[in-house]
Amino acid sequence: MASVLATIEGMIAVVWHFWLGLILLVVGGLAVVQLVVGYVAKVSAMKYPNRRQRNAQK
């Protein structure tokens, strides 16, 4: 009996899963970067408020 990878459907499934995994890896990495940047922006905004935030505190 032939291996699953020896068929065209098996080879397409392997390639499809590779690209799907790669896309999920990139999206997950971007989500982590966005989370870190958002956290740093929020923390630094409290330490260094802009003009509108300073006027709202008065």
Protein backbone atom coordinates (compact mmCIF):
# COMPACT_ATOMS: atom_id res chain seq x y z
CA MET A 1 0.00 0.00 0.00
CA ALA A 2 1.33 3.43 -0.92
CA SER A 3 2.14 6.02 1.68
CA VAL A 4 -0.26 8.91 2.19
CA LEU A 5 2.47 11.35 1.15
CA ALA A 6 2.93 9.52 -2.16
CA THR A 7 -0.46 10.72 -3.40
CA ILE A 8 -1.15 14.16 -4.81
CA GLU A 9 -3.78 14.83 -2.14
CA GLY A 10 -1.28 13.96 0.59
CA MET A 11 1.37 16.26 -0.84
CA ILE A 12 -1.11 19.14 -1.17
CA ALA A 13 -2.24 18.61 2.42
CA VAL A 14 1.35 18.85 3.66
CA VAL A 15 2.00 22.02 1.67
CA TRP A 16 -1.32 23.54 2.76
CA HIS A 17 -0.62 22.85 6.43
CA PHE A 18 2.86 24.34 6.12
CA TRP A 19 1.52 27.64 4.74
CA LEU A 20 -1.36 27.69 7.19
CA GLY A 21 1.09 27.24 10.06
CA LEU A 22 3.34 29.94 8.68
CA ILE A 23 0.45 32.40 8.38
CA LEU A 24 -0.70 31.63 11.94
CA LEU A 25 2.86 32.10 13.21
CA VAL A 26 3.17 35.52 11.57
CA VAL A 27 -0.26 36.66 12.78
CA GLY A 28 0.49 35.43 16.30
CA GLY A 29 3.83 37.24 16.31
CA LEU A 30 2.19 40.46 15.14
CA ALA A 31 -0.44 40.14 17.85
CA VAL A 32 2.26 39.83 20.52
CA VAL A 33 4.10 42.86 19.11
CA GLN A 34 0.85 44.86 19.08
CA LEU A 35 0.15 43.86 22.68
CA VAL A 36 3.62 44.98 23.83
CA VAL A 37 3.47 48.26 21.89
CA GLY A 38 -0.02 49.01 23.24
CA TYR A 39 1.12 48.34 26.80
CA VAL A 40 4.19 50.54 26.48
CA ALA A 41 2.15 53.31 24.86
CA LYS A 42 -0.45 53.20 27.63
CA VAL A 43 2.14 53.18 30.41
CA SER A 44 4.18 56.00 28.88
CA ALA A 45 0.99 58.03 28.24
CA MET A 46 0.28 58.00 31.97
CA LYS A 47 3.81 59.12 32.75
CA TYR A 48 4.04 61.71 29.96
CA PRO A 49 0.50 62.99 29.22
CA ASN A 50 -0.12 64.96 26.04
CA ARG A 51 -1.66 68.45 26.01
CA ARG A 52 -5.27 67.26 25.83
CA GLN A 53 -4.79 64.88 28.78
CA ARG A 54 -3.08 67.62 30.83
CA ASN A 55 -5.95 70.02 30.14
CA ALA A 56 -8.50 67.37 31.11
CA GLN A 57 -6.76 66.92 34.48
CA LYS A 58 -7.17 70.62 35.36
